[in-house]
Amino acid sequence: MSHTFFIALSYILTALVVAGLILRAVIDHRIQARALAELESRGVGRRSRRG
């Protein structure tokens, strides 16, 4: 029996995991950007902007 199926399955699973991690990072970035915009609209500034 050929191992092609198992190799292909491994690549597919790896691609799905990587895609899931990327999607999670994108969603988290959007959530954090909204939270930051909300804080800044309330007048809470970033420490990095202090001079």
PDB file of N, CA and C in Angstrom:
ATOM      1  N   MET A   1       0.844  -1.197   0.000  1.00  0.00           N
ATOM      2  CA  MET A   1       0.000   0.000   0.000  1.00  0.00           C
ATOM      3  C   MET A   1       0.877   1.244   0.000  1.00  0.00           C
ATOM      4  N   SER A   2       0.482   2.217  -0.761  1.00  0.00           N
ATOM      5  CA  SER A   2       1.249   3.446  -0.895  1.00  0.00           C
ATOM      6  C   SER A   2       1.012   4.362   0.310  1.00  0.00           C
ATOM      7  N   HIS A   3       2.009   5.102   0.623  1.00  0.00           N
ATOM      8  CA  HIS A   3       1.902   6.048   1.743  1.00  0.00           C
ATOM      9  C   HIS A   3       1.415   7.416   1.279  1.00  0.00           C
ATOM     10  N   THR A   4       1.058   7.527   0.028  1.00  0.00           N
ATOM     11  CA  THR A   4       0.640   8.809  -0.533  1.00  0.00           C
ATOM     12  C   THR A   4      -0.542   9.401   0.215  1.00  0.00           C
ATOM     13  N   PHE A   5      -1.500   8.556   0.563  1.00  0.00           N
ATOM     14  CA  PHE A   5      -2.676   9.036   1.287  1.00  0.00           C
ATOM     15  C   PHE A   5      -2.282   9.677   2.616  1.00  0.00           C
ATOM     16  N   PHE A   6      -1.416   9.016   3.364  1.00  0.00           N
ATOM     17  CA  PHE A   6      -1.024   9.532   4.677  1.00  0.00           C
ATOM     18  C   PHE A   6      -0.199  10.816   4.552  1.00  0.00           C
ATOM     19  N   ILE A   7       0.638  10.874   3.546  1.00  0.00           N
ATOM     20  CA  ILE A   7       1.440  12.078   3.316  1.00  0.00           C
ATOM     21  C   ILE A   7       0.529  13.241   2.932  1.00  0.00           C
ATOM     22  N   ALA A   8      -0.398  12.983   2.005  1.00  0.00           N
ATOM     23  CA  ALA A   8      -1.337  14.033   1.588  1.00  0.00           C
ATOM     24  C   ALA A   8      -2.193  14.485   2.765  1.00  0.00           C
ATOM     25  N   LEU A   9      -2.677  13.542   3.564  1.00  0.00           N
ATOM     26  CA  LEU A   9      -3.477  13.880   4.738  1.00  0.00           C
ATOM     27  C   LEU A   9      -2.678  14.744   5.722  1.00  0.00           C
ATOM     28  N   SER A  10      -1.416  14.434   5.900  1.00  0.00           N
ATOM     29  CA  SER A  10      -0.561  15.221   6.789  1.00  0.00           C
ATOM     30  C   SER A  10      -0.409  16.652   6.288  1.00  0.00           C
ATOM     31  N   TYR A  11      -0.194  16.800   4.988  1.00  0.00           N
ATOM     32  CA  TYR A  11      -0.077  18.143   4.422  1.00  0.00           C
ATOM     33  C   TYR A  11      -1.387  18.916   4.551  1.00  0.00           C
ATOM     34  N   ILE A  12      -2.496  18.254   4.299  1.00  0.00           N
ATOM     35  CA  ILE A  12      -3.801  18.911   4.410  1.00  0.00           C
ATOM     36  C   ILE A  12      -4.066  19.336   5.844  1.00  0.00           C
ATOM     37  N   LEU A  13      -3.791  18.449   6.786  1.00  0.00           N
ATOM     38  CA  LEU A  13      -3.999  18.784   8.197  1.00  0.00           C
ATOM     39  C   LEU A  13      -3.112  19.951   8.624  1.00  0.00           C
ATOM     40  N   THR A  14      -1.865  19.932   8.184  1.00  0.00           N
ATOM     41  CA  THR A  14      -0.945  21.018   8.508  1.00  0.00           C
ATOM     42  C   THR A  14      -1.429  22.335   7.922  1.00  0.00           C
ATOM     43  N   ALA A  15      -1.893  22.297   6.679  1.00  0.00           N
ATOM     44  CA  ALA A  15      -2.408  23.512   6.038  1.00  0.00           C
ATOM     45  C   ALA A  15      -3.627  24.042   6.794  1.00  0.00           C
ATOM     46  N   LEU A  16      -4.503  23.150   7.238  1.00  0.00           N
ATOM     47  CA  LEU A  16      -5.688  23.580   8.000  1.00  0.00           C
ATOM     48  C   LEU A  16      -5.302  24.205   9.334  1.00  0.00           C
ATOM     49  N   VAL A  17      -4.339  23.621  10.012  1.00  0.00           N
ATOM     50  CA  VAL A  17      -3.886  24.170  11.296  1.00  0.00           C
ATOM     51  C   VAL A  17      -3.265  25.547  11.090  1.00  0.00           C
ATOM     52  N   VAL A  18      -2.396  25.683  10.087  1.00  0.00           N
ATOM     53  CA  VAL A  18      -1.760  26.967   9.813  1.00  0.00           C
ATOM     54  C   VAL A  18      -2.814  28.010   9.426  1.00  0.00           C
ATOM     55  N   ALA A  19      -3.775  27.624   8.584  1.00  0.00           N
ATOM     56  CA  ALA A  19      -4.844  28.545   8.199  1.00  0.00           C
ATOM     57  C   ALA A  19      -5.662  28.964   9.423  1.00  0.00           C
ATOM     58  N   GLY A  20      -5.927  28.020  10.311  1.00  0.00           N
ATOM     59  CA  GLY A  20      -6.657  28.343  11.544  1.00  0.00           C
ATOM     60  C   GLY A  20      -5.901  29.325  12.426  1.00  0.00           C
ATOM     61  N   LEU A  21      -4.609  29.137  12.535  1.00  0.00           N
ATOM     62  CA  LEU A  21      -3.795  30.054  13.335  1.00  0.00           C
ATOM     63  C   LEU A  21      -3.759  31.448  12.721  1.00  0.00           C
ATOM     64  N   ILE A  22      -3.652  31.511  11.405  1.00  0.00           N
ATOM     65  CA  ILE A  22      -3.665  32.806  10.726  1.00  0.00           C
ATOM     66  C   ILE A  22      -5.006  33.493  10.921  1.00  0.00           C
ATOM     67  N   LEU A  23      -6.088  32.742  10.755  1.00  0.00           N
ATOM     68  CA  LEU A  23      -7.428  33.296  10.946  1.00  0.00           C
ATOM     69  C   LEU A  23      -7.607  33.807  12.374  1.00  0.00           C
ATOM     70  N   ARG A  24      -7.136  33.042  13.335  1.00  0.00           N
ATOM     71  CA  ARG A  24      -7.235  33.462  14.737  1.00  0.00           C
ATOM     72  C   ARG A  24      -6.456  34.757  14.972  1.00  0.00           C
ATOM     73  N   ALA A  25      -5.270  34.878  14.380  1.00  0.00           N
ATOM     74  CA  ALA A  25      -4.464  36.080  14.535  1.00  0.00           C
ATOM     75  C   ALA A  25      -5.154  37.288  13.905  1.00  0.00           C
ATOM     76  N   VAL A  26      -5.757  37.105  12.743  1.00  0.00           N
ATOM     77  CA  VAL A  26      -6.454  38.205  12.063  1.00  0.00           C
ATOM     78  C   VAL A  26      -7.655  38.655  12.894  1.00  0.00           C
ATOM     79  N   ILE A  27      -8.432  37.706  13.380  1.00  0.00           N
ATOM     80  CA  ILE A  27      -9.602  38.048  14.193  1.00  0.00           C
ATOM     81  C   ILE A  27      -9.179  38.749  15.477  1.00  0.00           C
ATOM     82  N   ASP A  28      -8.132  38.236  16.127  1.00  0.00           N
ATOM     83  CA  ASP A  28      -7.661  38.864  17.360  1.00  0.00           C
ATOM     84  C   ASP A  28      -7.141  40.272  17.095  1.00  0.00           C
ATOM     85  N   HIS A  29      -6.468  40.471  15.964  1.00  0.00           N
ATOM     86  CA  HIS A  29      -5.970  41.805  15.620  1.00  0.00           C
ATOM     87  C   HIS A  29      -7.123  42.790  15.481  1.00  0.00           C
ATOM     88  N   ARG A  30      -8.195  42.353  14.813  1.00  0.00           N
ATOM     89  CA  ARG A  30      -9.362  43.225  14.650  1.00  0.00           C
ATOM     90  C   ARG A  30      -9.997  43.561  15.993  1.00  0.00           C
ATOM     91  N   ILE A  31     -10.098  42.574  16.870  1.00  0.00           N
ATOM     92  CA  ILE A  31     -10.676  42.806  18.202  1.00  0.00           C
ATOM     93  C   ILE A  31      -9.815  43.793  18.982  1.00  0.00           C
ATOM     94  N   GLN A  32      -8.500  43.606  18.948  1.00  0.00           N
ATOM     95  CA  GLN A  32      -7.600  44.493  19.685  1.00  0.00           C
ATOM     96  C   GLN A  32      -7.615  45.906  19.103  1.00  0.00           C
ATOM     97  N   ALA A  33      -7.698  46.020  17.785  1.00  0.00           N
ATOM     98  CA  ALA A  33      -7.743  47.346  17.163  1.00  0.00           C
ATOM     99  C   ALA A  33      -9.019  48.086  17.562  1.00  0.00           C
ATOM    100  N   ARG A  34     -10.143  47.364  17.610  1.00  0.00           N
ATOM    101  CA  ARG A  34     -11.400  47.993  18.049  1.00  0.00           C
ATOM    102  C   ARG A  34     -11.319  48.421  19.509  1.00  0.00           C
ATOM    103  N   ALA A  35     -10.743  47.557  20.350  1.00  0.00           N
ATOM    104  CA  ALA A  35     -10.614  47.891  21.769  1.00  0.00           C
ATOM    105  C   ALA A  35      -9.711  49.113  21.951  1.00  0.00           C
ATOM    106  N   LEU A  36      -8.634  49.176  21.194  1.00  0.00           N
ATOM    107  CA  LEU A  36      -7.730  50.320  21.279  1.00  0.00           C
ATOM    108  C   LEU A  36      -8.415  51.593  20.810  1.00  0.00           C
ATOM    109  N   ALA A  37      -9.160  51.512  19.719  1.00  0.00           N
ATOM    110  CA  ALA A  37      -9.881  52.689  19.215  1.00  0.00           C
ATOM    111  C   ALA A  37     -10.908  53.163  20.238  1.00  0.00           C
ATOM    112  N   GLU A  38     -11.572  52.230  20.900  1.00  0.00           N
ATOM    113  CA  GLU A  38     -12.548  52.602  21.925  1.00  0.00           C
ATOM    114  C   GLU A  38     -11.867  53.294  23.102  1.00  0.00           C
ATOM    115  N   LEU A  39     -10.740  52.763  23.528  1.00  0.00           N
ATOM    116  CA  LEU A  39     -10.013  53.388  24.638  1.00  0.00           C
ATOM    117  C   LEU A  39      -9.528  54.789  24.249  1.00  0.00           C
ATOM    118  N   GLU A  40      -8.997  54.910  23.048  1.00  0.00           N
ATOM    119  CA  GLU A  40      -8.504  56.218  22.613  1.00  0.00           C
ATOM    120  C   GLU A  40      -9.644  57.223  22.464  1.00  0.00           C
ATOM    121  N   SER A  41     -10.816  56.750  22.065  1.00  0.00           N
ATOM    122  CA  SER A  41     -11.953  57.665  21.948  1.00  0.00           C
ATOM    123  C   SER A  41     -12.424  58.142  23.319  1.00  0.00           C
ATOM    124  N   ARG A  42     -12.151  57.341  24.342  1.00  0.00           N
ATOM    125  CA  ARG A  42     -12.495  57.739  25.719  1.00  0.00           C
ATOM    126  C   ARG A  42     -11.419  58.637  26.345  1.00  0.00           C
ATOM    127  N   GLY A  43     -10.334  58.821  25.626  1.00  0.00           N
ATOM    128  CA  GLY A  43      -9.279  59.691  26.132  1.00  0.00           C
ATOM    129  C   GLY A  43      -8.131  58.969  26.779  1.00  0.00           C
ATOM    130  N   VAL A  44      -8.150  57.667  26.760  1.00  0.00           N
ATOM    131  CA  VAL A  44      -7.050  56.897  27.313  1.00  0.00           C
ATOM    132  C   VAL A  44      -5.977  56.817  26.233  1.00  0.00           C
ATOM    133  N   GLY A  45      -4.799  57.364  26.531  1.00  0.00           N
ATOM    134  CA  GLY A  45      -3.727  57.391  25.521  1.00  0.00           C
ATOM    135  C   GLY A  45      -2.769  56.230  25.666  1.00  0.00           C
ATOM    136  N   ARG A  46      -1.936  56.098  24.671  1.00  0.00           N
ATOM    137  CA  ARG A  46      -0.897  55.055  24.704  1.00  0.00           C
ATOM    138  C   ARG A  46       0.306  55.562  25.455  1.00  0.00           C
ATOM    139  N   ARG A  47       0.921  54.679  26.206  1.00  0.00           N
ATOM    140  CA  ARG A  47       2.145  55.053  26.920  1.00  0.00           C
ATOM    141  C   ARG A  47       3.262  55.374  25.936  1.00  0.00           C
ATOM    142  N   SER A  48       3.270  54.705  24.800  1.00  0.00           N
ATOM    143  CA  SER A  48       4.346  54.923  23.836  1.00  0.00           C
ATOM    144  C   SER A  48       4.279  56.308  23.195  1.00  0.00           C
ATOM    145  N   ARG A  49       3.143  56.981  23.311  1.00  0.00           N
ATOM    146  CA  ARG A  49       3.008  58.327  22.729  1.00  0.00           C
ATOM    147  C   ARG A  49       3.473  59.409  23.703  1.00  0.00           C
ATOM    148  N   ARG A  50       3.698  59.052  24.951  1.00  0.00           N
ATOM    149  CA  ARG A  50       4.167  60.062  25.911  1.00  0.00           C
ATOM    150  C   ARG A  50       5.589  60.474  25.553  1.00  0.00           C
ATOM    151  N   GLY A  51       5.819  61.727  25.655  1.00  0.00           N
ATOM    152  CA  GLY A  51       7.125  62.217  25.242  1.00  0.00           C
ATOM    153  C   GLY A  51       7.935  62.631  26.336  1.00  0.00           C
TER     154      GLY A  51
END
